[in-house]
């Protein structure tokens, strides 16, 4: 629902949301 999500259009969240164990 954020402007950033809608403006990027790549259907993703910031990298800071990634788990530390998830390498890729």
PDBML (XML) file of the C-alpha atoms, coordinates in Angstrom:
<?xml version="1.0" encoding="UTF-8" ?>
<PDBx:datablock datablockName="MODEL"
   xmlns:PDBx="http://pdbml.pdb.org/schema/pdbx-v50.xsd"
   xmlns:xsi="http://www.w3.org/2001/XMLSchema-instance"
   xsi:schemaLocation="http://pdbml.pdb.org/schema/pdbx-v50.xsd pdbx-v50.xsd">
   <PDBx:atom_siteCategory>
      <PDBx:atom_site id="1">
         <PDBx:B_iso_or_equiv>0.00</PDBx:B_iso_or_equiv>
         <PDBx:Cartn_x>0.000</PDBx:Cartn_x>
         <PDBx:Cartn_y>0.000</PDBx:Cartn_y>
         <PDBx:Cartn_z>0.000</PDBx:Cartn_z>
         <PDBx:auth_asym_id>A</PDBx:auth_asym_id>
         <PDBx:auth_atom_id>CA</PDBx:auth_atom_id>
         <PDBx:auth_comp_id>UNK</PDBx:auth_comp_id>
         <PDBx:auth_seq_id>1</PDBx:auth_seq_id>
         <PDBx:group_PDB>ATOM</PDBx:group_PDB>
         <PDBx:label_alt_id xsi:nil="true" />
         <PDBx:label_asym_id>A</PDBx:label_asym_id>
         <PDBx:label_atom_id>CA</PDBx:label_atom_id>
         <PDBx:label_comp_id>UNK</PDBx:label_comp_id>
         <PDBx:label_entity_id>1</PDBx:label_entity_id>
         <PDBx:label_seq_id>1</PDBx:label_seq_id>
         <PDBx:occupancy>1.00</PDBx:occupancy>
         <PDBx:pdbx_PDB_model_num>1</PDBx:pdbx_PDB_model_num>
         <PDBx:type_symbol>C</PDBx:type_symbol>
      </PDBx:atom_site>
      <PDBx:atom_site id="2">
         <PDBx:B_iso_or_equiv>0.00</PDBx:B_iso_or_equiv>
         <PDBx:Cartn_x>3.028</PDBx:Cartn_x>
         <PDBx:Cartn_y>2.319</PDBx:Cartn_y>
         <PDBx:Cartn_z>-0.001</PDBx:Cartn_z>
         <PDBx:auth_asym_id>A</PDBx:auth_asym_id>
         <PDBx:auth_atom_id>CA</PDBx:auth_atom_id>
         <PDBx:auth_comp_id>UNK</PDBx:auth_comp_id>
         <PDBx:auth_seq_id>2</PDBx:auth_seq_id>
         <PDBx:group_PDB>ATOM</PDBx:group_PDB>
         <PDBx:label_alt_id xsi:nil="true" />
         <PDBx:label_asym_id>A</PDBx:label_asym_id>
         <PDBx:label_atom_id>CA</PDBx:label_atom_id>
         <PDBx:label_comp_id>UNK</PDBx:label_comp_id>
         <PDBx:label_entity_id>1</PDBx:label_entity_id>
         <PDBx:label_seq_id>2</PDBx:label_seq_id>
         <PDBx:occupancy>1.00</PDBx:occupancy>
         <PDBx:pdbx_PDB_model_num>1</PDBx:pdbx_PDB_model_num>
         <PDBx:type_symbol>C</PDBx:type_symbol>
      </PDBx:atom_site>
      <PDBx:atom_site id="3">
         <PDBx:B_iso_or_equiv>0.00</PDBx:B_iso_or_equiv>
         <PDBx:Cartn_x>3.931</PDBx:Cartn_x>
         <PDBx:Cartn_y>4.832</PDBx:Cartn_y>
         <PDBx:Cartn_z>-2.692</PDBx:Cartn_z>
         <PDBx:auth_asym_id>A</PDBx:auth_asym_id>
         <PDBx:auth_atom_id>CA</PDBx:auth_atom_id>
         <PDBx:auth_comp_id>UNK</PDBx:auth_comp_id>
         <PDBx:auth_seq_id>3</PDBx:auth_seq_id>
         <PDBx:group_PDB>ATOM</PDBx:group_PDB>
         <PDBx:label_alt_id xsi:nil="true" />
         <PDBx:label_asym_id>A</PDBx:label_asym_id>
         <PDBx:label_atom_id>CA</PDBx:label_atom_id>
         <PDBx:label_comp_id>UNK</PDBx:label_comp_id>
         <PDBx:label_entity_id>1</PDBx:label_entity_id>
         <PDBx:label_seq_id>3</PDBx:label_seq_id>
         <PDBx:occupancy>1.00</PDBx:occupancy>
         <PDBx:pdbx_PDB_model_num>1</PDBx:pdbx_PDB_model_num>
         <PDBx:type_symbol>C</PDBx:type_symbol>
      </PDBx:atom_site>
      <PDBx:atom_site id="4">
         <PDBx:B_iso_or_equiv>0.00</PDBx:B_iso_or_equiv>
         <PDBx:Cartn_x>7.382</PDBx:Cartn_x>
         <PDBx:Cartn_y>3.260</PDBx:Cartn_y>
         <PDBx:Cartn_z>-3.041</PDBx:Cartn_z>
         <PDBx:auth_asym_id>A</PDBx:auth_asym_id>
         <PDBx:auth_atom_id>CA</PDBx:auth_atom_id>
         <PDBx:auth_comp_id>UNK</PDBx:auth_comp_id>
         <PDBx:auth_seq_id>4</PDBx:auth_seq_id>
         <PDBx:group_PDB>ATOM</PDBx:group_PDB>
         <PDBx:label_alt_id xsi:nil="true" />
         <PDBx:label_asym_id>A</PDBx:label_asym_id>
         <PDBx:label_atom_id>CA</PDBx:label_atom_id>
         <PDBx:label_comp_id>UNK</PDBx:label_comp_id>
         <PDBx:label_entity_id>1</PDBx:label_entity_id>
         <PDBx:label_seq_id>4</PDBx:label_seq_id>
         <PDBx:occupancy>1.00</PDBx:occupancy>
         <PDBx:pdbx_PDB_model_num>1</PDBx:pdbx_PDB_model_num>
         <PDBx:type_symbol>C</PDBx:type_symbol>
      </PDBx:atom_site>
      <PDBx:atom_site id="5">
         <PDBx:B_iso_or_equiv>0.00</PDBx:B_iso_or_equiv>
         <PDBx:Cartn_x>5.900</PDBx:Cartn_x>
         <PDBx:Cartn_y>-0.151</PDBx:Cartn_y>
         <PDBx:Cartn_z>-3.875</PDBx:Cartn_z>
         <PDBx:auth_asym_id>A</PDBx:auth_asym_id>
         <PDBx:auth_atom_id>CA</PDBx:auth_atom_id>
         <PDBx:auth_comp_id>UNK</PDBx:auth_comp_id>
         <PDBx:auth_seq_id>5</PDBx:auth_seq_id>
         <PDBx:group_PDB>ATOM</PDBx:group_PDB>
         <PDBx:label_alt_id xsi:nil="true" />
         <PDBx:label_asym_id>A</PDBx:label_asym_id>
         <PDBx:label_atom_id>CA</PDBx:label_atom_id>
         <PDBx:label_comp_id>UNK</PDBx:label_comp_id>
         <PDBx:label_entity_id>1</PDBx:label_entity_id>
         <PDBx:label_seq_id>5</PDBx:label_seq_id>
         <PDBx:occupancy>1.00</PDBx:occupancy>
         <PDBx:pdbx_PDB_model_num>1</PDBx:pdbx_PDB_model_num>
         <PDBx:type_symbol>C</PDBx:type_symbol>
      </PDBx:atom_site>
      <PDBx:atom_site id="6">
         <PDBx:B_iso_or_equiv>0.00</PDBx:B_iso_or_equiv>
         <PDBx:Cartn_x>3.544</PDBx:Cartn_x>
         <PDBx:Cartn_y>1.349</PDBx:Cartn_y>
         <PDBx:Cartn_z>-6.459</PDBx:Cartn_z>
         <PDBx:auth_asym_id>A</PDBx:auth_asym_id>
         <PDBx:auth_atom_id>CA</PDBx:auth_atom_id>
         <PDBx:auth_comp_id>UNK</PDBx:auth_comp_id>
         <PDBx:auth_seq_id>6</PDBx:auth_seq_id>
         <PDBx:group_PDB>ATOM</PDBx:group_PDB>
         <PDBx:label_alt_id xsi:nil="true" />
         <PDBx:label_asym_id>A</PDBx:label_asym_id>
         <PDBx:label_atom_id>CA</PDBx:label_atom_id>
         <PDBx:label_comp_id>UNK</PDBx:label_comp_id>
         <PDBx:label_entity_id>1</PDBx:label_entity_id>
         <PDBx:label_seq_id>6</PDBx:label_seq_id>
         <PDBx:occupancy>1.00</PDBx:occupancy>
         <PDBx:pdbx_PDB_model_num>1</PDBx:pdbx_PDB_model_num>
         <PDBx:type_symbol>C</PDBx:type_symbol>
      </PDBx:atom_site>
      <PDBx:atom_site id="7">
         <PDBx:B_iso_or_equiv>0.00</PDBx:B_iso_or_equiv>
         <PDBx:Cartn_x>6.231</PDBx:Cartn_x>
         <PDBx:Cartn_y>3.578</PDBx:Cartn_y>
         <PDBx:Cartn_z>-8.002</PDBx:Cartn_z>
         <PDBx:auth_asym_id>A</PDBx:auth_asym_id>
         <PDBx:auth_atom_id>CA</PDBx:auth_atom_id>
         <PDBx:auth_comp_id>UNK</PDBx:auth_comp_id>
         <PDBx:auth_seq_id>7</PDBx:auth_seq_id>
         <PDBx:group_PDB>ATOM</PDBx:group_PDB>
         <PDBx:label_alt_id xsi:nil="true" />
         <PDBx:label_asym_id>A</PDBx:label_asym_id>
         <PDBx:label_atom_id>CA</PDBx:label_atom_id>
         <PDBx:label_comp_id>UNK</PDBx:label_comp_id>
         <PDBx:label_entity_id>1</PDBx:label_entity_id>
         <PDBx:label_seq_id>7</PDBx:label_seq_id>
         <PDBx:occupancy>1.00</PDBx:occupancy>
         <PDBx:pdbx_PDB_model_num>1</PDBx:pdbx_PDB_model_num>
         <PDBx:type_symbol>C</PDBx:type_symbol>
      </PDBx:atom_site>
      <PDBx:atom_site id="8">
         <PDBx:B_iso_or_equiv>0.00</PDBx:B_iso_or_equiv>
         <PDBx:Cartn_x>8.826</PDBx:Cartn_x>
         <PDBx:Cartn_y>0.804</PDBx:Cartn_y>
         <PDBx:Cartn_z>-8.434</PDBx:Cartn_z>
         <PDBx:auth_asym_id>A</PDBx:auth_asym_id>
         <PDBx:auth_atom_id>CA</PDBx:auth_atom_id>
         <PDBx:auth_comp_id>UNK</PDBx:auth_comp_id>
         <PDBx:auth_seq_id>8</PDBx:auth_seq_id>
         <PDBx:group_PDB>ATOM</PDBx:group_PDB>
         <PDBx:label_alt_id xsi:nil="true" />
         <PDBx:label_asym_id>A</PDBx:label_asym_id>
         <PDBx:label_atom_id>CA</PDBx:label_atom_id>
         <PDBx:label_comp_id>UNK</PDBx:label_comp_id>
         <PDBx:label_entity_id>1</PDBx:label_entity_id>
         <PDBx:label_seq_id>8</PDBx:label_seq_id>
         <PDBx:occupancy>1.00</PDBx:occupancy>
         <PDBx:pdbx_PDB_model_num>1</PDBx:pdbx_PDB_model_num>
         <PDBx:type_symbol>C</PDBx:type_symbol>
      </PDBx:atom_site>
      <PDBx:atom_site id="9">
         <PDBx:B_iso_or_equiv>0.00</PDBx:B_iso_or_equiv>
         <PDBx:Cartn_x>6.368</PDBx:Cartn_x>
         <PDBx:Cartn_y>-1.526</PDBx:Cartn_y>
         <PDBx:Cartn_z>-10.146</PDBx:Cartn_z>
         <PDBx:auth_asym_id>A</PDBx:auth_asym_id>
         <PDBx:auth_atom_id>CA</PDBx:auth_atom_id>
         <PDBx:auth_comp_id>UNK</PDBx:auth_comp_id>
         <PDBx:auth_seq_id>9</PDBx:auth_seq_id>
         <PDBx:group_PDB>ATOM</PDBx:group_PDB>
         <PDBx:label_alt_id xsi:nil="true" />
         <PDBx:label_asym_id>A</PDBx:label_asym_id>
         <PDBx:label_atom_id>CA</PDBx:label_atom_id>
         <PDBx:label_comp_id>UNK</PDBx:label_comp_id>
         <PDBx:label_entity_id>1</PDBx:label_entity_id>
         <PDBx:label_seq_id>9</PDBx:label_seq_id>
         <PDBx:occupancy>1.00</PDBx:occupancy>
         <PDBx:pdbx_PDB_model_num>1</PDBx:pdbx_PDB_model_num>
         <PDBx:type_symbol>C</PDBx:type_symbol>
      </PDBx:atom_site>
      <PDBx:atom_site id="10">
         <PDBx:B_iso_or_equiv>0.00</PDBx:B_iso_or_equiv>
         <PDBx:Cartn_x>8.626</PDBx:Cartn_x>
         <PDBx:Cartn_y>-4.549</PDBx:Cartn_y>
         <PDBx:Cartn_z>-9.592</PDBx:Cartn_z>
         <PDBx:auth_asym_id>A</PDBx:auth_asym_id>
         <PDBx:auth_atom_id>CA</PDBx:auth_atom_id>
         <PDBx:auth_comp_id>UNK</PDBx:auth_comp_id>
         <PDBx:auth_seq_id>10</PDBx:auth_seq_id>
         <PDBx:group_PDB>ATOM</PDBx:group_PDB>
         <PDBx:label_alt_id xsi:nil="true" />
         <PDBx:label_asym_id>A</PDBx:label_asym_id>
         <PDBx:label_atom_id>CA</PDBx:label_atom_id>
         <PDBx:label_comp_id>UNK</PDBx:label_comp_id>
         <PDBx:label_entity_id>1</PDBx:label_entity_id>
         <PDBx:label_seq_id>10</PDBx:label_seq_id>
         <PDBx:occupancy>1.00</PDBx:occupancy>
         <PDBx:pdbx_PDB_model_num>1</PDBx:pdbx_PDB_model_num>
         <PDBx:type_symbol>C</PDBx:type_symbol>
      </PDBx:atom_site>
      <PDBx:atom_site id="11">
         <PDBx:B_iso_or_equiv>0.00</PDBx:B_iso_or_equiv>
         <PDBx:Cartn_x>6.328</PDBx:Cartn_x>
         <PDBx:Cartn_y>-6.277</PDBx:Cartn_y>
         <PDBx:Cartn_z>-7.092</PDBx:Cartn_z>
         <PDBx:auth_asym_id>A</PDBx:auth_asym_id>
         <PDBx:auth_atom_id>CA</PDBx:auth_atom_id>
         <PDBx:auth_comp_id>UNK</PDBx:auth_comp_id>
         <PDBx:auth_seq_id>11</PDBx:auth_seq_id>
         <PDBx:group_PDB>ATOM</PDBx:group_PDB>
         <PDBx:label_alt_id xsi:nil="true" />
         <PDBx:label_asym_id>A</PDBx:label_asym_id>
         <PDBx:label_atom_id>CA</PDBx:label_atom_id>
         <PDBx:label_comp_id>UNK</PDBx:label_comp_id>
         <PDBx:label_entity_id>1</PDBx:label_entity_id>
         <PDBx:label_seq_id>11</PDBx:label_seq_id>
         <PDBx:occupancy>1.00</PDBx:occupancy>
         <PDBx:pdbx_PDB_model_num>1</PDBx:pdbx_PDB_model_num>
         <PDBx:type_symbol>C</PDBx:type_symbol>
      </PDBx:atom_site>
      <PDBx:atom_site id="12">
         <PDBx:B_iso_or_equiv>0.00</PDBx:B_iso_or_equiv>
         <PDBx:Cartn_x>8.982</PDBx:Cartn_x>
         <PDBx:Cartn_y>-6.411</PDBx:Cartn_y>
         <PDBx:Cartn_z>-4.377</PDBx:Cartn_z>
         <PDBx:auth_asym_id>A</PDBx:auth_asym_id>
         <PDBx:auth_atom_id>CA</PDBx:auth_atom_id>
         <PDBx:auth_comp_id>UNK</PDBx:auth_comp_id>
         <PDBx:auth_seq_id>12</PDBx:auth_seq_id>
         <PDBx:group_PDB>ATOM</PDBx:group_PDB>
         <PDBx:label_alt_id xsi:nil="true" />
         <PDBx:label_asym_id>A</PDBx:label_asym_id>
         <PDBx:label_atom_id>CA</PDBx:label_atom_id>
         <PDBx:label_comp_id>UNK</PDBx:label_comp_id>
         <PDBx:label_entity_id>1</PDBx:label_entity_id>
         <PDBx:label_seq_id>12</PDBx:label_seq_id>
         <PDBx:occupancy>1.00</PDBx:occupancy>
         <PDBx:pdbx_PDB_model_num>1</PDBx:pdbx_PDB_model_num>
         <PDBx:type_symbol>C</PDBx:type_symbol>
      </PDBx:atom_site>
      <PDBx:atom_site id="13">
         <PDBx:B_iso_or_equiv>0.00</PDBx:B_iso_or_equiv>
         <PDBx:Cartn_x>9.736</PDBx:Cartn_x>
         <PDBx:Cartn_y>-5.068</PDBx:Cartn_y>
         <PDBx:Cartn_z>-0.922</PDBx:Cartn_z>
         <PDBx:auth_asym_id>A</PDBx:auth_asym_id>
         <PDBx:auth_atom_id>CA</PDBx:auth_atom_id>
         <PDBx:auth_comp_id>UNK</PDBx:auth_comp_id>
         <PDBx:auth_seq_id>13</PDBx:auth_seq_id>
         <PDBx:group_PDB>ATOM</PDBx:group_PDB>
         <PDBx:label_alt_id xsi:nil="true" />
         <PDBx:label_asym_id>A</PDBx:label_asym_id>
         <PDBx:label_atom_id>CA</PDBx:label_atom_id>
         <PDBx:label_comp_id>UNK</PDBx:label_comp_id>
         <PDBx:label_entity_id>1</PDBx:label_entity_id>
         <PDBx:label_seq_id>13</PDBx:label_seq_id>
         <PDBx:occupancy>1.00</PDBx:occupancy>
         <PDBx:pdbx_PDB_model_num>1</PDBx:pdbx_PDB_model_num>
         <PDBx:type_symbol>C</PDBx:type_symbol>
      </PDBx:atom_site>
      <PDBx:atom_site id="14">
         <PDBx:B_iso_or_equiv>0.00</PDBx:B_iso_or_equiv>
         <PDBx:Cartn_x>13.006</PDBx:Cartn_x>
         <PDBx:Cartn_y>-3.431</PDBx:Cartn_y>
         <PDBx:Cartn_z>0.227</PDBx:Cartn_z>
         <PDBx:auth_asym_id>A</PDBx:auth_asym_id>
         <PDBx:auth_atom_id>CA</PDBx:auth_atom_id>
         <PDBx:auth_comp_id>UNK</PDBx:auth_comp_id>
         <PDBx:auth_seq_id>14</PDBx:auth_seq_id>
         <PDBx:group_PDB>ATOM</PDBx:group_PDB>
         <PDBx:label_alt_id xsi:nil="true" />
         <PDBx:label_asym_id>A</PDBx:label_asym_id>
         <PDBx:label_atom_id>CA</PDBx:label_atom_id>
         <PDBx:label_comp_id>UNK</PDBx:label_comp_id>
         <PDBx:label_entity_id>1</PDBx:label_entity_id>
         <PDBx:label_seq_id>14</PDBx:label_seq_id>
         <PDBx:occupancy>1.00</PDBx:occupancy>
         <PDBx:pdbx_PDB_model_num>1</PDBx:pdbx_PDB_model_num>
         <PDBx:type_symbol>C</PDBx:type_symbol>
      </PDBx:atom_site>
      <PDBx:atom_site id="15">
         <PDBx:B_iso_or_equiv>0.00</PDBx:B_iso_or_equiv>
         <PDBx:Cartn_x>16.084</PDBx:Cartn_x>
         <PDBx:Cartn_y>-5.644</PDBx:Cartn_y>
         <PDBx:Cartn_z>0.580</PDBx:Cartn_z>
         <PDBx:auth_asym_id>A</PDBx:auth_asym_id>
         <PDBx:auth_atom_id>CA</PDBx:auth_atom_id>
         <PDBx:auth_comp_id>UNK</PDBx:auth_comp_id>
         <PDBx:auth_seq_id>15</PDBx:auth_seq_id>
         <PDBx:group_PDB>ATOM</PDBx:group_PDB>
         <PDBx:label_alt_id xsi:nil="true" />
         <PDBx:label_asym_id>A</PDBx:label_asym_id>
         <PDBx:label_atom_id>CA</PDBx:label_atom_id>
         <PDBx:label_comp_id>UNK</PDBx:label_comp_id>
         <PDBx:label_entity_id>1</PDBx:label_entity_id>
         <PDBx:label_seq_id>15</PDBx:label_seq_id>
         <PDBx:occupancy>1.00</PDBx:occupancy>
         <PDBx:pdbx_PDB_model_num>1</PDBx:pdbx_PDB_model_num>
         <PDBx:type_symbol>C</PDBx:type_symbol>
      </PDBx:atom_site>
      <PDBx:atom_site id="16">
         <PDBx:B_iso_or_equiv>0.00</PDBx:B_iso_or_equiv>
         <PDBx:Cartn_x>16.032</PDBx:Cartn_x>
         <PDBx:Cartn_y>-5.001</PDBx:Cartn_y>
         <PDBx:Cartn_z>4.323</PDBx:Cartn_z>
         <PDBx:auth_asym_id>A</PDBx:auth_asym_id>
         <PDBx:auth_atom_id>CA</PDBx:auth_atom_id>
         <PDBx:auth_comp_id>UNK</PDBx:auth_comp_id>
         <PDBx:auth_seq_id>16</PDBx:auth_seq_id>
         <PDBx:group_PDB>ATOM</PDBx:group_PDB>
         <PDBx:label_alt_id xsi:nil="true" />
         <PDBx:label_asym_id>A</PDBx:label_asym_id>
         <PDBx:label_atom_id>CA</PDBx:label_atom_id>
         <PDBx:label_comp_id>UNK</PDBx:label_comp_id>
         <PDBx:label_entity_id>1</PDBx:label_entity_id>
         <PDBx:label_seq_id>16</PDBx:label_seq_id>
         <PDBx:occupancy>1.00</PDBx:occupancy>
         <PDBx:pdbx_PDB_model_num>1</PDBx:pdbx_PDB_model_num>
         <PDBx:type_symbol>C</PDBx:type_symbol>
      </PDBx:atom_site>
      <PDBx:atom_site id="17">
         <PDBx:B_iso_or_equiv>0.00</PDBx:B_iso_or_equiv>
         <PDBx:Cartn_x>13.009</PDBx:Cartn_x>
         <PDBx:Cartn_y>-7.315</PDBx:Cartn_y>
         <PDBx:Cartn_z>4.506</PDBx:Cartn_z>
         <PDBx:auth_asym_id>A</PDBx:auth_asym_id>
         <PDBx:auth_atom_id>CA</PDBx:auth_atom_id>
         <PDBx:auth_comp_id>UNK</PDBx:auth_comp_id>
         <PDBx:auth_seq_id>17</PDBx:auth_seq_id>
         <PDBx:group_PDB>ATOM</PDBx:group_PDB>
         <PDBx:label_alt_id xsi:nil="true" />
         <PDBx:label_asym_id>A</PDBx:label_asym_id>
         <PDBx:label_atom_id>CA</PDBx:label_atom_id>
         <PDBx:label_comp_id>UNK</PDBx:label_comp_id>
         <PDBx:label_entity_id>1</PDBx:label_entity_id>
         <PDBx:label_seq_id>17</PDBx:label_seq_id>
         <PDBx:occupancy>1.00</PDBx:occupancy>
         <PDBx:pdbx_PDB_model_num>1</PDBx:pdbx_PDB_model_num>
         <PDBx:type_symbol>C</PDBx:type_symbol>
      </PDBx:atom_site>
      <PDBx:atom_site id="18">
         <PDBx:B_iso_or_equiv>0.00</PDBx:B_iso_or_equiv>
         <PDBx:Cartn_x>15.094</PDBx:Cartn_x>
         <PDBx:Cartn_y>-10.303</PDBx:Cartn_y>
         <PDBx:Cartn_z>3.407</PDBx:Cartn_z>
         <PDBx:auth_asym_id>A</PDBx:auth_asym_id>
         <PDBx:auth_atom_id>CA</PDBx:auth_atom_id>
         <PDBx:auth_comp_id>UNK</PDBx:auth_comp_id>
         <PDBx:auth_seq_id>18</PDBx:auth_seq_id>
         <PDBx:group_PDB>ATOM</PDBx:group_PDB>
         <PDBx:label_alt_id xsi:nil="true" />
         <PDBx:label_asym_id>A</PDBx:label_asym_id>
         <PDBx:label_atom_id>CA</PDBx:label_atom_id>
         <PDBx:label_comp_id>UNK</PDBx:label_comp_id>
         <PDBx:label_entity_id>1</PDBx:label_entity_id>
         <PDBx:label_seq_id>18</PDBx:label_seq_id>
         <PDBx:occupancy>1.00</PDBx:occupancy>
         <PDBx:pdbx_PDB_model_num>1</PDBx:pdbx_PDB_model_num>
         <PDBx:type_symbol>C</PDBx:type_symbol>
      </PDBx:atom_site>
      <PDBx:atom_site id="19">
         <PDBx:B_iso_or_equiv>0.00</PDBx:B_iso_or_equiv>
         <PDBx:Cartn_x>16.065</PDBx:Cartn_x>
         <PDBx:Cartn_y>-12.897</PDBx:Cartn_y>
         <PDBx:Cartn_z>5.978</PDBx:Cartn_z>
         <PDBx:auth_asym_id>A</PDBx:auth_asym_id>
         <PDBx:auth_atom_id>CA</PDBx:auth_atom_id>
         <PDBx:auth_comp_id>UNK</PDBx:auth_comp_id>
         <PDBx:auth_seq_id>19</PDBx:auth_seq_id>
         <PDBx:group_PDB>ATOM</PDBx:group_PDB>
         <PDBx:label_alt_id xsi:nil="true" />
         <PDBx:label_asym_id>A</PDBx:label_asym_id>
         <PDBx:label_atom_id>CA</PDBx:label_atom_id>
         <PDBx:label_comp_id>UNK</PDBx:label_comp_id>
         <PDBx:label_entity_id>1</PDBx:label_entity_id>
         <PDBx:label_seq_id>19</PDBx:label_seq_id>
         <PDBx:occupancy>1.00</PDBx:occupancy>
         <PDBx:pdbx_PDB_model_num>1</PDBx:pdbx_PDB_model_num>
         <PDBx:type_symbol>C</PDBx:type_symbol>
      </PDBx:atom_site>
      <PDBx:atom_site id="20">
         <PDBx:B_iso_or_equiv>0.00</PDBx:B_iso_or_equiv>
         <PDBx:Cartn_x>19.766</PDBx:Cartn_x>
         <PDBx:Cartn_y>-12.945</PDBx:Cartn_y>
         <PDBx:Cartn_z>6.758</PDBx:Cartn_z>
         <PDBx:auth_asym_id>A</PDBx:auth_asym_id>
         <PDBx:auth_atom_id>CA</PDBx:auth_atom_id>
         <PDBx:auth_comp_id>UNK</PDBx:auth_comp_id>
         <PDBx:auth_seq_id>20</PDBx:auth_seq_id>
         <PDBx:group_PDB>ATOM</PDBx:group_PDB>
         <PDBx:label_alt_id xsi:nil="true" />
         <PDBx:label_asym_id>A</PDBx:label_asym_id>
         <PDBx:label_atom_id>CA</PDBx:label_atom_id>
         <PDBx:label_comp_id>UNK</PDBx:label_comp_id>
         <PDBx:label_entity_id>1</PDBx:label_entity_id>
         <PDBx:label_seq_id>20</PDBx:label_seq_id>
         <PDBx:occupancy>1.00</PDBx:occupancy>
         <PDBx:pdbx_PDB_model_num>1</PDBx:pdbx_PDB_model_num>
         <PDBx:type_symbol>C</PDBx:type_symbol>
      </PDBx:atom_site>
      <PDBx:atom_site id="21">
         <PDBx:B_iso_or_equiv>0.00</PDBx:B_iso_or_equiv>
         <PDBx:Cartn_x>19.994</PDBx:Cartn_x>
         <PDBx:Cartn_y>-16.623</PDBx:Cartn_y>
         <PDBx:Cartn_z>5.804</PDBx:Cartn_z>
         <PDBx:auth_asym_id>A</PDBx:auth_asym_id>
         <PDBx:auth_atom_id>CA</PDBx:auth_atom_id>
         <PDBx:auth_comp_id>UNK</PDBx:auth_comp_id>
         <PDBx:auth_seq_id>21</PDBx:auth_seq_id>
         <PDBx:group_PDB>ATOM</PDBx:group_PDB>
         <PDBx:label_alt_id xsi:nil="true" />
         <PDBx:label_asym_id>A</PDBx:label_asym_id>
         <PDBx:label_atom_id>CA</PDBx:label_atom_id>
         <PDBx:label_comp_id>UNK</PDBx:label_comp_id>
         <PDBx:label_entity_id>1</PDBx:label_entity_id>
         <PDBx:label_seq_id>21</PDBx:label_seq_id>
         <PDBx:occupancy>1.00</PDBx:occupancy>
         <PDBx:pdbx_PDB_model_num>1</PDBx:pdbx_PDB_model_num>
         <PDBx:type_symbol>C</PDBx:type_symbol>
      </PDBx:atom_site>
      <PDBx:atom_site id="22">
         <PDBx:B_iso_or_equiv>0.00</PDBx:B_iso_or_equiv>
         <PDBx:Cartn_x>18.462</PDBx:Cartn_x>
         <PDBx:Cartn_y>-16.003</PDBx:Cartn_y>
         <PDBx:Cartn_z>2.364</PDBx:Cartn_z>
         <PDBx:auth_asym_id>A</PDBx:auth_asym_id>
         <PDBx:auth_atom_id>CA</PDBx:auth_atom_id>
         <PDBx:auth_comp_id>UNK</PDBx:auth_comp_id>
         <PDBx:auth_seq_id>22</PDBx:auth_seq_id>
         <PDBx:group_PDB>ATOM</PDBx:group_PDB>
         <PDBx:label_alt_id xsi:nil="true" />
         <PDBx:label_asym_id>A</PDBx:label_asym_id>
         <PDBx:label_atom_id>CA</PDBx:label_atom_id>
         <PDBx:label_comp_id>UNK</PDBx:label_comp_id>
         <PDBx:label_entity_id>1</PDBx:label_entity_id>
         <PDBx:label_seq_id>22</PDBx:label_seq_id>
         <PDBx:occupancy>1.00</PDBx:occupancy>
         <PDBx:pdbx_PDB_model_num>1</PDBx:pdbx_PDB_model_num>
         <PDBx:type_symbol>C</PDBx:type_symbol>
      </PDBx:atom_site>
      <PDBx:atom_site id="23">
         <PDBx:B_iso_or_equiv>0.00</PDBx:B_iso_or_equiv>
         <PDBx:Cartn_x>21.483</PDBx:Cartn_x>
         <PDBx:Cartn_y>-15.530</PDBx:Cartn_y>
         <PDBx:Cartn_z>0.121</PDBx:Cartn_z>
         <PDBx:auth_asym_id>A</PDBx:auth_asym_id>
         <PDBx:auth_atom_id>CA</PDBx:auth_atom_id>
         <PDBx:auth_comp_id>UNK</PDBx:auth_comp_id>
         <PDBx:auth_seq_id>23</PDBx:auth_seq_id>
         <PDBx:group_PDB>ATOM</PDBx:group_PDB>
         <PDBx:label_alt_id xsi:nil="true" />
         <PDBx:label_asym_id>A</PDBx:label_asym_id>
         <PDBx:label_atom_id>CA</PDBx:label_atom_id>
         <PDBx:label_comp_id>UNK</PDBx:label_comp_id>
         <PDBx:label_entity_id>1</PDBx:label_entity_id>
         <PDBx:label_seq_id>23</PDBx:label_seq_id>
         <PDBx:occupancy>1.00</PDBx:occupancy>
         <PDBx:pdbx_PDB_model_num>1</PDBx:pdbx_PDB_model_num>
         <PDBx:type_symbol>C</PDBx:type_symbol>
      </PDBx:atom_site>
      <PDBx:atom_site id="24">
         <PDBx:B_iso_or_equiv>0.00</PDBx:B_iso_or_equiv>
         <PDBx:Cartn_x>19.748</PDBx:Cartn_x>
         <PDBx:Cartn_y>-14.702</PDBx:Cartn_y>
         <PDBx:Cartn_z>-3.188</PDBx:Cartn_z>
         <PDBx:auth_asym_id>A</PDBx:auth_asym_id>
         <PDBx:auth_atom_id>CA</PDBx:auth_atom_id>
         <PDBx:auth_comp_id>UNK</PDBx:auth_comp_id>
         <PDBx:auth_seq_id>24</PDBx:auth_seq_id>
         <PDBx:group_PDB>ATOM</PDBx:group_PDB>
         <PDBx:label_alt_id xsi:nil="true" />
         <PDBx:label_asym_id>A</PDBx:label_asym_id>
         <PDBx:label_atom_id>CA</PDBx:label_atom_id>
         <PDBx:label_comp_id>UNK</PDBx:label_comp_id>
         <PDBx:label_entity_id>1</PDBx:label_entity_id>
         <PDBx:label_seq_id>24</PDBx:label_seq_id>
         <PDBx:occupancy>1.00</PDBx:occupancy>
         <PDBx:pdbx_PDB_model_num>1</PDBx:pdbx_PDB_model_num>
         <PDBx:type_symbol>C</PDBx:type_symbol>
      </PDBx:atom_site>
   </PDBx:atom_siteCategory>
</PDBx:datablock>
